[in-house]
C-alpha atoms as a PDB file:
ATOM      1  CA  MET A   1      95.731  36.719 -12.697  1.00  0.00           C
ATOM      2  CA  GLY A   2      92.210  37.428 -13.843  1.00  0.00           C
ATOM      3  CA  ALA A   3      90.793  35.044 -11.251  1.00  0.00           C
ATOM      4  CA  THR A   4      92.686  36.860  -8.517  1.00  0.00           C
ATOM      5  CA  ILE A   5      91.223  40.194  -9.616  1.00  0.00           C
ATOM      6  CA  ILE A   6      87.722  38.733  -9.630  1.00  0.00           C
ATOM      7  CA  VAL A   7      88.191  37.222  -6.171  1.00  0.00           C
ATOM      8  CA  GLY A   8      89.545  40.561  -4.851  1.00  0.00           C
ATOM      9  CA  ALA A   9      86.638  42.432  -6.352  1.00  0.00           C
ATOM     10  CA  ILE A  10      84.185  40.006  -4.771  1.00  0.00           C
ATOM     11  CA  ALA A  11      85.925  40.341  -1.402  1.00  0.00           C
ATOM     12  CA  LEU A  12      85.871  44.136  -1.647  1.00  0.00           C
ATOM     13  CA  PHE A  13      82.182  44.038  -2.514  1.00  0.00           C
ATOM     14  CA  ILE A  14      81.493  41.823   0.463  1.00  0.00           C
ATOM     15  CA  VAL A  15      83.394  44.179   2.770  1.00  0.00           C
ATOM     16  CA  ILE A  16      81.566  47.227   1.428  1.00  0.00           C
ATOM     17  CA  PHE A  17      78.282  45.351   1.645  1.00  0.00           C
ATOM     18  CA  ALA A  18      78.976  44.360   5.265  1.00  0.00           C
ATOM     19  CA  ILE A  19      80.082  47.875   6.238  1.00  0.00           C
ATOM     20  CA  SER A  20      76.992  49.436   4.681  1.00  0.00           C
ATOM     21  CA  GLY A  21      74.898  47.127   6.840  1.00  0.00           C
ATOM     22  CA  PHE A  22      76.111  48.856  10.005  1.00  0.00           C
ATOM     23  CA  LYS A  23      74.226  51.965  11.035  1.00  0.00           C
ATOM     24  CA  ILE A  24      75.422  54.075  13.975  1.00  0.00           C
ATOM     25  CA  VAL A  25      72.645  56.198  15.433  1.00  0.00           C
ATOM     26  CA  GLN A  26      73.565  59.120  17.691  1.00  0.00           C
ATOM     27  CA  GLN A  27      72.039  59.750  21.091  1.00  0.00           C
ATOM     28  CA  SER A  28      68.603  61.477  20.941  1.00  0.00           C
ATOM     29  CA  GLU A  29      68.235  60.465  17.298  1.00  0.00           C
ATOM     30  CA  THR A  30      66.382  57.688  15.552  1.00  0.00           C
ATOM     31  CA  MET A  31      66.075  56.214  12.083  1.00  0.00           C
ATOM     32  CA  LEU A  32      63.159  54.522  10.332  1.00  0.00           C
ATOM     33  CA  ILE A  33      64.041  51.420   8.291  1.00  0.00           C
ATOM     34  CA  GLU A  34      61.929  50.236   5.397  1.00  0.00           C
ATOM     35  CA  ARG A  35      62.320  46.773   3.917  1.00  0.00           C
ATOM     36  CA  LEU A  36      61.396  46.669   0.288  1.00  0.00           C
ATOM     37  CA  GLY A  37      59.408  49.898   0.686  1.00  0.00           C
ATOM     38  CA  LYS A  38      57.505  48.846   3.805  1.00  0.00           C
ATOM     39  CA  TYR A  39      58.133  50.011   7.350  1.00  0.00           C
ATOM     40  CA  ASN A  40      60.223  47.448   9.168  1.00  0.00           C
ATOM     41  CA  ARG A  41      61.558  48.903  12.432  1.00  0.00           C
ATOM     42  CA  THR A  42      62.883  51.962  14.210  1.00  0.00           C
ATOM     43  CA  LEU A  43      66.568  52.038  15.031  1.00  0.00           C
ATOM     44  CA  THR A  44      67.653  53.115  18.506  1.00  0.00           C
ATOM     45  CA  SER A  45      70.840  54.866  19.607  1.00  0.00           C
ATOM     46  CA  GLY A  46      74.032  52.846  19.114  1.00  0.00           C
ATOM     47  CA  ILE A  47      75.144  50.303  16.510  1.00  0.00           C
ATOM     48  CA  ASN A  48      72.416  48.696  14.410  1.00  0.00           C
ATOM     49  CA  VAL A  49      72.637  46.121  11.612  1.00  0.00           C
ATOM     50  CA  ILE A  50      70.475  46.204   8.503  1.00  0.00           C
ATOM     51  CA  ILE A  51      70.450  44.229   5.283  1.00  0.00           C
ATOM     52  CA  PRO A  52      71.920  46.382   2.520  1.00  0.00           C
ATOM     53  CA  MET A  53      69.927  46.825  -0.678  1.00  0.00           C
ATOM     54  CA  ILE A  54      66.907  45.315   1.061  1.00  0.00           C
ATOM     55  CA  ASP A  55      66.660  47.574   4.089  1.00  0.00           C
ATOM     56  CA  ARG A  56      67.090  51.259   3.620  1.00  0.00           C
ATOM     57  CA  PRO A  57      66.449  54.352   5.797  1.00  0.00           C
ATOM     58  CA  ARG A  58      63.309  56.325   5.075  1.00  0.00           C
ATOM     59  CA  GLU A  59      64.106  59.729   3.607  1.00  0.00           C
ATOM     60  CA  ILE A  60      62.205  62.714   4.997  1.00  0.00           C
ATOM     61  CA  ASN A  61      61.726  66.108   3.425  1.00  0.00           C
ATOM     62  CA  TRP A  62      62.300  68.423   6.394  1.00  0.00           C
ATOM     63  CA  ARG A  63      61.657  72.160   6.454  1.00  0.00           C
ATOM     64  CA  TYR A  64      63.951  74.583   8.270  1.00  0.00           C
ATOM     65  CA  VAL A  65      63.552  78.279   9.028  1.00  0.00           C
ATOM     66  CA  VAL A  66      66.854  80.133   8.666  1.00  0.00           C
ATOM     67  CA  MET A  67      67.889  83.761   9.088  1.00  0.00           C
ATOM     68  CA  GLY A  68      69.175  85.590   6.027  1.00  0.00           C
ATOM     69  CA  MET A  69      71.934  88.186   5.829  1.00  0.00           C
ATOM     70  CA  ASP A  70      69.352  90.980   5.757  1.00  0.00           C
ATOM     71  CA  GLY A  71      67.708  89.753   8.981  1.00  0.00           C
ATOM     72  CA  ARG A  72      64.728  88.215   7.224  1.00  0.00           C
ATOM     73  CA  LYS A  73      63.597  84.658   7.813  1.00  0.00           C
ATOM     74  CA  PHE A  74      63.026  82.219   5.007  1.00  0.00           C
ATOM     75  CA  SER A  75      62.345  78.509   4.677  1.00  0.00           C
ATOM     76  CA  ARG A  76      64.768  75.903   3.431  1.00  0.00           C
ATOM     77  CA  PHE A  77      63.992  72.267   2.683  1.00  0.00           C
ATOM     78  CA  LYS A  78      66.412  69.421   3.222  1.00  0.00           C
ATOM     79  CA  THR A  79      66.165  65.649   2.808  1.00  0.00           C
ATOM     80  CA  ILE A  80      67.204  63.785   5.960  1.00  0.00           C
ATOM     81  CA  THR A  81      67.205  60.198   7.187  1.00  0.00           C
ATOM     82  CA  ARG A  82      67.759  60.810  10.889  1.00  0.00           C
ATOM     83  CA  ILE A  83      65.022  62.196  13.099  1.00  0.00           C
ATOM     84  CA  ASP A  84      66.001  64.400  16.030  1.00  0.00           C
ATOM     85  CA  LEU A  85      64.073  63.457  19.164  1.00  0.00           C
ATOM     86  CA  ARG A  86      65.149  66.515  21.152  1.00  0.00           C
ATOM     87  CA  GLU A  87      62.867  69.465  21.793  1.00  0.00           C
ATOM     88  CA  THR A  88      62.770  71.665  18.731  1.00  0.00           C
ATOM     89  CA  VAL A  89      61.956  75.341  18.521  1.00  0.00           C
ATOM     90  CA  TYR A  90      60.398  76.948  15.477  1.00  0.00           C
ATOM     91  CA  ASP A  91      60.326  80.718  15.154  1.00  0.00           C
ATOM     92  CA  PHE A  92      57.652  81.337  12.559  1.00  0.00           C
ATOM     93  CA  PRO A  93      57.530  84.464  10.404  1.00  0.00           C
ATOM     94  CA  LYS A  94      55.232  87.297  11.441  1.00  0.00           C
ATOM     95  CA  GLN A  95      51.634  87.130  10.340  1.00  0.00           C
ATOM     96  CA  ASN A  96      48.696  89.518  10.285  1.00  0.00           C
ATOM     97  CA  VAL A  97      45.618  88.653  12.331  1.00  0.00           C
ATOM     98  CA  ILE A  98      42.410  90.564  13.080  1.00  0.00           C
ATOM     99  CA  THR A  99      41.115  91.046  16.601  1.00  0.00           C
ATOM    100  CA  LYS A 100      37.508  90.962  17.751  1.00  0.00           C
ATOM    101  CA  ASP A 101      37.212  94.742  17.423  1.00  0.00           C
ATOM    102  CA  ASN A 102      38.476  94.604  13.799  1.00  0.00           C
ATOM    103  CA  VAL A 103      42.028  95.813  14.405  1.00  0.00           C
ATOM    104  CA  GLY A 104      44.741  94.214  12.304  1.00  0.00           C
ATOM    105  CA  VAL A 105      47.846  93.322  14.332  1.00  0.00           C
ATOM    106  CA  GLU A 106      51.124  91.676  13.416  1.00  0.00           C
ATOM    107  CA  ILE A 107      52.052  88.711  15.631  1.00  0.00           C
ATOM    108  CA  ASN A 108      55.257  86.716  15.827  1.00  0.00           C
ATOM    109  CA  ALA A 109      54.856  83.286  17.450  1.00  0.00           C
ATOM    110  CA  MET A 110      57.340  80.666  18.548  1.00  0.00           C
ATOM    111  CA  ILE A 111      56.589  77.013  19.309  1.00  0.00           C
ATOM    112  CA  TYR A 112      58.531  74.347  21.204  1.00  0.00           C
ATOM    113  CA  PHE A 113      57.668  70.770  20.290  1.00  0.00           C
ATOM    114  CA  GLN A 114      59.199  67.316  20.572  1.00  0.00           C
ATOM    115  CA  ILE A 115      58.755  64.160  18.511  1.00  0.00           C
ATOM    116  CA  VAL A 116      57.731  61.284  20.769  1.00  0.00           C
ATOM    117  CA  ASP A 117      56.724  58.791  18.058  1.00  0.00           C
ATOM    118  CA  ALA A 118      58.957  58.927  14.993  1.00  0.00           C
ATOM    119  CA  MET A 119      56.827  56.515  12.947  1.00  0.00           C
ATOM    120  CA  LYS A 120      53.706  58.683  13.313  1.00  0.00           C
ATOM    121  CA  ALA A 121      55.704  61.837  12.619  1.00  0.00           C
ATOM    122  CA  VAL A 122      56.795  60.385   9.274  1.00  0.00           C
ATOM    123  CA  TYR A 123      53.848  58.301   8.102  1.00  0.00           C
ATOM    124  CA  GLU A 124      50.911  60.321   9.494  1.00  0.00           C
ATOM    125  CA  ILE A 125      51.898  63.702   8.023  1.00  0.00           C
ATOM    126  CA  ASN A 126      53.764  64.726   4.889  1.00  0.00           C
ATOM    127  CA  ASN A 127      55.902  67.574   6.218  1.00  0.00           C
ATOM    128  CA  LEU A 128      55.719  67.870   9.976  1.00  0.00           C
ATOM    129  CA  PRO A 129      57.315  71.342  10.473  1.00  0.00           C
ATOM    130  CA  ASP A 130      55.233  72.875   7.702  1.00  0.00           C
ATOM    131  CA  ALA A 131      52.054  71.276   9.085  1.00  0.00           C
ATOM    132  CA  ILE A 132      52.784  72.546  12.596  1.00  0.00           C
ATOM    133  CA  GLU A 133      53.420  76.052  11.281  1.00  0.00           C
ATOM    134  CA  LYS A 134      50.181  76.180   9.302  1.00  0.00           C
ATOM    135  CA  LEU A 135      48.229  74.745  12.217  1.00  0.00           C
ATOM    136  CA  THR A 136      49.759  77.317  14.570  1.00  0.00           C
ATOM    137  CA  GLN A 137      48.887  80.188  12.243  1.00  0.00           C
ATOM    138  CA  THR A 138      45.253  79.163  11.825  1.00  0.00           C
ATOM    139  CA  THR A 139      44.847  78.466  15.534  1.00  0.00           C
ATOM    140  CA  LEU A 140      46.413  81.814  16.373  1.00  0.00           C
ATOM    141  CA  ARG A 141      43.938  83.592  14.089  1.00  0.00           C
ATOM    142  CA  ASN A 142      41.039  81.887  15.859  1.00  0.00           C
ATOM    143  CA  VAL A 143      42.304  82.671  19.346  1.00  0.00           C
ATOM    144  CA  ILE A 144      43.114  86.325  18.600  1.00  0.00           C
ATOM    145  CA  GLY A 145      39.789  86.725  16.791  1.00  0.00           C
ATOM    146  CA  GLU A 146      38.015  86.023  20.083  1.00  0.00           C
ATOM    147  CA  LEU A 147      39.834  88.823  21.909  1.00  0.00           C
ATOM    148  CA  GLU A 148      39.784  92.585  21.607  1.00  0.00           C
ATOM    149  CA  LEU A 149      42.988  94.527  21.072  1.00  0.00           C
ATOM    150  CA  ASP A 150      43.421  95.550  24.698  1.00  0.00           C
ATOM    151  CA  GLU A 151      42.774  91.992  25.864  1.00  0.00           C
ATOM    152  CA  SER A 152      45.249  90.512  23.397  1.00  0.00           C
ATOM    153  CA  LEU A 153      47.971  92.908  24.542  1.00  0.00           C
ATOM    154  CA  VAL A 154      47.618  92.027  28.226  1.00  0.00           C
ATOM    155  CA  SER A 155      46.616  88.349  27.947  1.00  0.00           C
ATOM    156  CA  ARG A 156      49.696  86.741  26.451  1.00  0.00           C
ATOM    157  CA  ASP A 157      49.730  83.979  29.046  1.00  0.00           C
ATOM    158  CA  THR A 158      46.116  83.154  28.245  1.00  0.00           C
ATOM    159  CA  ILE A 159      46.850  83.092  24.512  1.00  0.00           C
ATOM    160  CA  ASN A 160      49.907  80.892  25.033  1.00  0.00           C
ATOM    161  CA  THR A 161      47.950  78.434  27.158  1.00  0.00           C
ATOM    162  CA  LYS A 162      45.086  78.176  24.663  1.00  0.00           C
ATOM    163  CA  LEU A 163      47.443  77.690  21.765  1.00  0.00           C
ATOM    164  CA  ARG A 164      49.410  75.007  23.562  1.00  0.00           C
ATOM    165  CA  LEU A 165      46.310  73.019  24.505  1.00  0.00           C
ATOM    166  CA  ILE A 166      44.811  73.193  21.000  1.00  0.00           C
ATOM    167  CA  LEU A 167      48.078  72.388  19.215  1.00  0.00           C
ATOM    168  CA  ASP A 168      48.982  69.587  21.607  1.00  0.00           C
ATOM    169  CA  ASP A 169      45.625  67.943  21.054  1.00  0.00           C
ATOM    170  CA  ALA A 170      45.791  68.370  17.257  1.00  0.00           C
ATOM    171  CA  THR A 171      49.386  67.112  16.878  1.00  0.00           C
ATOM    172  CA  ASN A 172      48.928  64.116  19.143  1.00  0.00           C
ATOM    173  CA  LYS A 173      48.077  61.867  16.179  1.00  0.00           C
ATOM    174  CA  TRP A 174      51.325  63.002  14.536  1.00  0.00           C
ATOM    175  CA  GLY A 175      53.410  61.673  17.421  1.00  0.00           C
ATOM    176  CA  VAL A 176      54.332  65.197  18.546  1.00  0.00           C
ATOM    177  CA  LYS A 177      54.200  66.758  22.004  1.00  0.00           C
ATOM    178  CA  VAL A 178      53.789  70.562  22.055  1.00  0.00           C
ATOM    179  CA  ASN A 179      55.528  71.724  25.230  1.00  0.00           C
ATOM    180  CA  ARG A 180      55.190  75.482  24.967  1.00  0.00           C
ATOM    181  CA  VAL A 181      53.952  78.281  22.732  1.00  0.00           C
ATOM    182  CA  GLU A 182      55.265  81.817  23.098  1.00  0.00           C
ATOM    183  CA  ILE A 183      53.973  85.049  21.568  1.00  0.00           C
ATOM    184  CA  GLN A 184      57.047  87.204  20.953  1.00  0.00           C
ATOM    185  CA  ASP A 185      55.550  90.386  19.525  1.00  0.00           C
ATOM    186  CA  ILE A 186      52.102  91.878  19.062  1.00  0.00           C
ATOM    187  CA  ASN A 187      52.413  94.985  16.892  1.00  0.00           C
ATOM    188  CA  PRO A 188      49.283  97.073  16.254  1.00  0.00           C
ATOM    189  CA  PRO A 189      49.213  99.565  13.345  1.00  0.00           C
ATOM    190  CA  THR A 190      51.118 102.826  13.692  1.00  0.00           C
ATOM    191  CA  ASP A 191      48.032 105.013  14.169  1.00  0.00           C
ATOM    192  CA  ILE A 192      46.710 102.646  16.835  1.00  0.00           C
ATOM    193  CA  ARG A 193      50.056 102.711  18.647  1.00  0.00           C
ATOM    194  CA  ASN A 194      50.099 106.514  18.568  1.00  0.00           C
ATOM    195  CA  ALA A 195      46.561 106.651  19.949  1.00  0.00           C
ATOM    196  CA  MET A 196      47.484 104.156  22.660  1.00  0.00           C
ATOM    197  CA  GLU A 197      50.539 106.192  23.625  1.00  0.00           C
ATOM    198  CA  LYS A 198      48.428 109.352  23.900  1.00  0.00           C
ATOM    199  CA  GLN A 199      45.871 107.496  25.957  1.00  0.00           C
ATOM    200  CA  MET A 200      48.577 106.082  28.203  1.00  0.00           C
ATOM    201  CA  ARG A 201      50.167 109.523  28.612  1.00  0.00           C
ATOM    202  CA  ALA A 202      46.791 111.073  29.474  1.00  0.00           C
ATOM    203  CA  GLU A 203      46.080 108.298  31.951  1.00  0.00           C
ATOM    204  CA  ARG A 204      49.429 108.837  33.633  1.00  0.00           C
ATOM    205  CA  ASP A 205      48.824 112.593  33.812  1.00  0.00           C
ATOM    206  CA  ARG A 206      45.415 111.926  35.356  1.00  0.00           C
ATOM    207  CA  ARG A 207      46.909 109.576  37.934  1.00  0.00           C
ATOM    208  CA  ALA A 208      49.637 112.102  38.733  1.00  0.00           C
ATOM    209  CA  ALA A 209      47.038 114.853  39.232  1.00  0.00           C
ATOM    210  CA  ILE A 210      44.947 112.585  41.450  1.00  0.00           C
ATOM    211  CA  LEU A 211      47.949 111.606  43.529  1.00  0.00           C
ATOM    212  CA  GLU A 212      49.004 115.237  43.872  1.00  0.00           C
ATOM    213  CA  ALA A 213      45.497 116.278  44.927  1.00  0.00           C
ATOM    214  CA  GLU A 214      45.288 113.416  47.412  1.00  0.00           C
ATOM    215  CA  GLY A 215      48.692 114.402  48.782  1.00  0.00           C
ATOM    216  CA  GLN A 216      47.626 118.018  49.251  1.00  0.00           C
ATOM    217  CA  LYS A 217      44.374 116.903  50.834  1.00  0.00           C
ATOM    218  CA  ARG A 218      46.209 114.606  53.207  1.00  0.00           C
ATOM    219  CA  ALA A 219      48.704 117.329  54.056  1.00  0.00           C
ATOM    220  CA  LYS A 220      45.917 119.777  54.900  1.00  0.00           C
ATOM    221  CA  ILE A 221      44.136 117.162  56.987  1.00  0.00           C
ATOM    222  CA  LEU A 222      47.320 116.397  58.896  1.00  0.00           C
ATOM    223  CA  GLN A 223      48.007 120.124  59.335  1.00  0.00           C
ATOM    224  CA  ALA A 224      44.480 120.695  60.667  1.00  0.00           C
ATOM    225  CA  GLU A 225      44.769 117.708  62.975  1.00  0.00           C
ATOM    226  CA  GLY A 226      48.112 118.982  64.208  1.00  0.00           C
ATOM    227  CA  PHE A 227      46.695 122.453  64.857  1.00  0.00           C
ATOM    228  CA  LYS A 228      43.730 120.887  66.627  1.00  0.00           C
ATOM    229  CA  GLU A 229      45.973 118.773  68.820  1.00  0.00           C
ATOM    230  CA  SER A 230      48.145 121.805  69.540  1.00  0.00           C
ATOM    231  CA  GLU A 231      45.146 123.914  70.570  1.00  0.00           C
ATOM    232  CA  ILE A 232      43.792 121.109  72.715  1.00  0.00           C
ATOM    233  CA  ASN A 233      47.136 120.655  74.415  1.00  0.00           C
ATOM    234  CA  ARG A 234      47.511 124.413  74.906  1.00  0.00           C
ATOM    235  CA  ALA A 235      43.977 124.694  76.345  1.00  0.00           C
ATOM    236  CA  GLU A 236      44.622 121.723  78.578  1.00  0.00           C
ATOM    237  CA  GLY A 237      47.862 123.338  79.732  1.00  0.00           C
ATOM    238  CA  ASP A 238      46.117 126.621  80.455  1.00  0.00           C
ATOM    239  CA  ARG A 239      43.400 124.804  82.343  1.00  0.00           C
ATOM    240  CA  GLN A 240      45.920 122.890  84.410  1.00  0.00           C
ATOM    241  CA  ALA A 241      47.895 126.098  85.056  1.00  0.00           C
ATOM    242  CA  ARG A 242      44.754 127.938  86.205  1.00  0.00           C
ATOM    243  CA  ILE A 243      43.729 125.034  88.372  1.00  0.00           C
ATOM    244  CA  LEU A 244      47.154 124.908  89.949  1.00  0.00           C
ATOM    245  CA  GLU A 245      47.178 128.699  90.337  1.00  0.00           C
ATOM    246  CA  ALA A 246      43.737 128.643  91.949  1.00  0.00           C
ATOM    247  CA  GLU A 247      44.770 125.782  94.195  1.00  0.00           C
ATOM    248  CA  GLY A 248      47.895 127.745  95.149  1.00  0.00           C
ATOM    249  CA  LYS A 249      45.908 130.867  95.935  1.00  0.00           C
ATOM    250  CA  ALA A 250      43.408 128.813  97.886  1.00  0.00           C
ATOM    251  CA  MET A 251      46.223 127.214  99.850  1.00  0.00           C
ATOM    252  CA  ALA A 252      47.781 130.653 100.453  1.00  0.00           C
ATOM    253  CA  ILE A 253      44.472 132.135 101.576  1.00  0.00           C
ATOM    254  CA  LYS A 254      43.858 129.115 103.760  1.00  0.00           C
ATOM    255  CA  THR A 255      47.323 129.406 105.289  1.00  0.00           C
ATOM    256  CA  VAL A 256      46.874 133.141 105.896  1.00  0.00           C
ATOM    257  CA  ALA A 257      43.464 132.484 107.333  1.00  0.00           C
ATOM    258  CA  GLU A 258      44.839 129.803 109.597  1.00  0.00           C
ATOM    259  CA  ALA A 259      47.600 132.157 110.704  1.00  0.00           C
ATOM    260  CA  GLU A 260      45.148 135.007 111.304  1.00  0.00           C
ATOM    261  CA  LYS A 261      42.848 132.602 113.104  1.00  0.00           C
ATOM    262  CA  GLU A 262      45.670 131.524 115.356  1.00  0.00           C
ATOM    263  CA  ALA A 263      46.760 135.144 115.910  1.00  0.00           C
ATOM    264  CA  ILE A 264      43.215 136.229 116.663  1.00  0.00           C
ATOM    265  CA  GLN A 265      42.814 133.356 119.077  1.00  0.00           C
ATOM    266  CA  GLN A 266      46.012 134.375 120.866  1.00  0.00           C
ATOM    267  CA  ILE A 267      45.022 138.067 120.869  1.00  0.00           C
ATOM    268  CA  SER A 268      41.535 137.188 122.060  1.00  0.00           C
ATOM    269  CA  ALA A 269      42.976 135.112 124.855  1.00  0.00           C
ATOM    270  CA  ALA A 270      45.321 137.950 125.873  1.00  0.00           C
ATOM    271  CA  VAL A 271      42.550 140.587 125.743  1.00  0.00           C
ATOM    272  CA  VAL A 272      40.159 138.413 127.729  1.00  0.00           C
ATOM    273  CA  ASP A 273      42.849 137.956 130.357  1.00  0.00           C
ATOM    274  CA  GLN A 274      43.007 141.795 130.625  1.00  0.00           C
ATOM    275  CA  GLN A 275      39.210 141.947 130.888  1.00  0.00           C
ATOM    276  CA  GLY A 276      38.804 143.796 127.611  1.00  0.00           C
ATOM    277  CA  ASP A 277      36.719 143.464 124.436  1.00  0.00           C
ATOM    278  CA  PRO A 278      38.689 141.661 121.697  1.00  0.00           C
ATOM    279  CA  VAL A 279      36.366 142.981 118.965  1.00  0.00           C
ATOM    280  CA  ASN A 280      37.299 146.562 119.605  1.00  0.00           C
ATOM    281  CA  TYR A 281      40.922 145.615 119.562  1.00  0.00           C
ATOM    282  CA  LEU A 282      40.715 143.875 116.205  1.00  0.00           C
ATOM    283  CA  VAL A 283      38.707 146.698 114.628  1.00  0.00           C
ATOM    284  CA  ALA A 284      41.229 149.229 115.824  1.00  0.00           C
ATOM    285  CA  ILE A 285      44.131 147.209 114.420  1.00  0.00           C
ATOM    286  CA  LYS A 286      42.473 146.937 110.996  1.00  0.00           C
ATOM    287  CA  TYR A 287      41.688 150.660 111.047  1.00  0.00           C
ATOM    288  CA  ILE A 288      45.271 151.578 111.814  1.00  0.00           C
ATOM    289  CA  GLU A 289      46.497 149.318 108.960  1.00  0.00           C
ATOM    290  CA  ALA A 290      44.084 151.010 106.591  1.00  0.00           C
ATOM    291  CA  LEU A 291      45.289 154.459 107.632  1.00  0.00           C
ATOM    292  CA  LYS A 292      48.859 153.360 107.095  1.00  0.00           C
ATOM    293  CA  GLU A 293      48.114 152.280 103.529  1.00  0.00           C
ATOM    294  CA  MET A 294      46.246 155.509 102.839  1.00  0.00           C
ATOM    295  CA  THR A 295      49.133 157.713 103.978  1.00  0.00           C
ATOM    296  CA  THR A 296      51.879 155.692 102.363  1.00  0.00           C
ATOM    297  CA  GLY A 297      53.459 157.301  99.270  1.00  0.00           C
ATOM    298  CA  GLN A 298      55.706 160.083  98.051  1.00  0.00           C
ATOM    299  CA  ASP A 299      52.942 162.654  97.346  1.00  0.00           C
ATOM    300  CA  SER A 300      51.432 164.556 100.223  1.00  0.00           C
ATOM    301  CA  LYS A 301      47.881 163.505 100.960  1.00  0.00           C
ATOM    302  CA  THR A 302      45.052 165.011 102.989  1.00  0.00           C
ATOM    303  CA  VAL A 303      43.061 162.444 104.896  1.00  0.00           C
ATOM    304  CA  TYR A 304      39.475 163.213 105.881  1.00  0.00           C
ATOM    305  CA  MET A 305      38.162 161.218 108.787  1.00  0.00           C
ATOM    306  CA  PRO A 306      34.498 160.257 108.599  1.00  0.00           C
ATOM    307  CA  TYR A 307      32.141 161.041 111.421  1.00  0.00           C
ATOM    308  CA  GLU A 308      31.688 157.375 112.183  1.00  0.00           C
ATOM    309  CA  ALA A 309      35.455 157.091 112.755  1.00  0.00           C
ATOM    310  CA  THR A 310      35.117 158.529 116.242  1.00  0.00           C
ATOM    311  CA  GLY A 311      33.670 155.266 117.395  1.00  0.00           C
ATOM    312  CA  ILE A 312      36.619 153.466 115.987  1.00  0.00           C
ATOM    313  CA  LEU A 313      39.063 155.907 117.645  1.00  0.00           C
ATOM    314  CA  SER A 314      37.455 155.059 120.934  1.00  0.00           C
ATOM    315  CA  SER A 315      38.621 151.549 120.255  1.00  0.00           C
ATOM    316  CA  VAL A 316      42.159 152.912 119.988  1.00  0.00           C
ATOM    317  CA  GLY A 317      41.684 154.348 123.384  1.00  0.00           C
ATOM    318  CA  GLY A 318      40.597 150.962 124.591  1.00  0.00           C
ATOM    319  CA  ILE A 319      43.872 149.566 123.246  1.00  0.00           C
ATOM    320  CA  LYS A 320      45.723 152.193 125.261  1.00  0.00           C
ATOM    321  CA  ASP A 321      43.847 151.138 128.377  1.00  0.00           C
ATOM    322  CA  LEU A 322      44.692 147.529 127.668  1.00  0.00           C
ATOM    323  CA  LEU A 323      48.343 148.327 127.273  1.00  0.00           C
ATOM    324  CA  LYS A 324      48.349 150.318 130.537  1.00  0.00           C
ATOM    325  CA  GLY A 325      46.719 147.472 132.324  1.00  0.00           C
ATOM    326  CA  SER A 326      49.428 145.090 131.141  1.00  0.00           C
END
């Protein structure tokens, strides 16, 4: 009976020993195996076999940043044996830095990095997250110290690029690839923020006044141009109307003259046929028309005949002779 118990215990030990030799590694994870305290190999994803009691996973003291119930961030340390190879984001606590123009600002940075060589990440640095955080803080102080406050507020992309290049180069020997660095907040002191708000408000008021003045100026220019165009068009219209009116009068005068010319020619031909003087006839006709206009009207008028009119009246007599001869 005792032998059976011993054999069962040995069998159970062997089973436990064999089971403990199997290590299942999840996807995107890895595990460092040390044999008798010395690095042996790095396990890949899937089922791996190790020698129990001789091979054992390397334990790592890993630092996490967690959010408390009051909204504050604090660090927590945990011992792990599996290394996550996925991209990791660390949101570091806010820190105070001084700009080139001696203004203290509060900056909150966030870094995205990925472990590409697990052996270097464990054996080249004691605590990788803590080292990356301290390196980021010191690098951030150096970068912000080269910029003035206004430059730091508007040059986040430049700051992010500089930080990423410096951190990526510094963490390369740790087997880490820094993919991206983001500056979340840049908070100047309260008095500086108030002064900046006043300056911004004054600048906006100045721009509004300039835009309003430019608008009024443009409106007046357009109004003047419109009035100018209107006057030009009106003058051009008047000129065209006068030209047309003058051309019409000229055409009328020309037509009347042509008609009178034709009438005179006919009268002259008729008078010549009667052996008379056409000049006397025409003068008499014009004189009679003038007398008609002088005596036309509702009021009674007294007409005085000049002495020289007797010569013209003789022409009327000539007309009578012409008519008798016809």
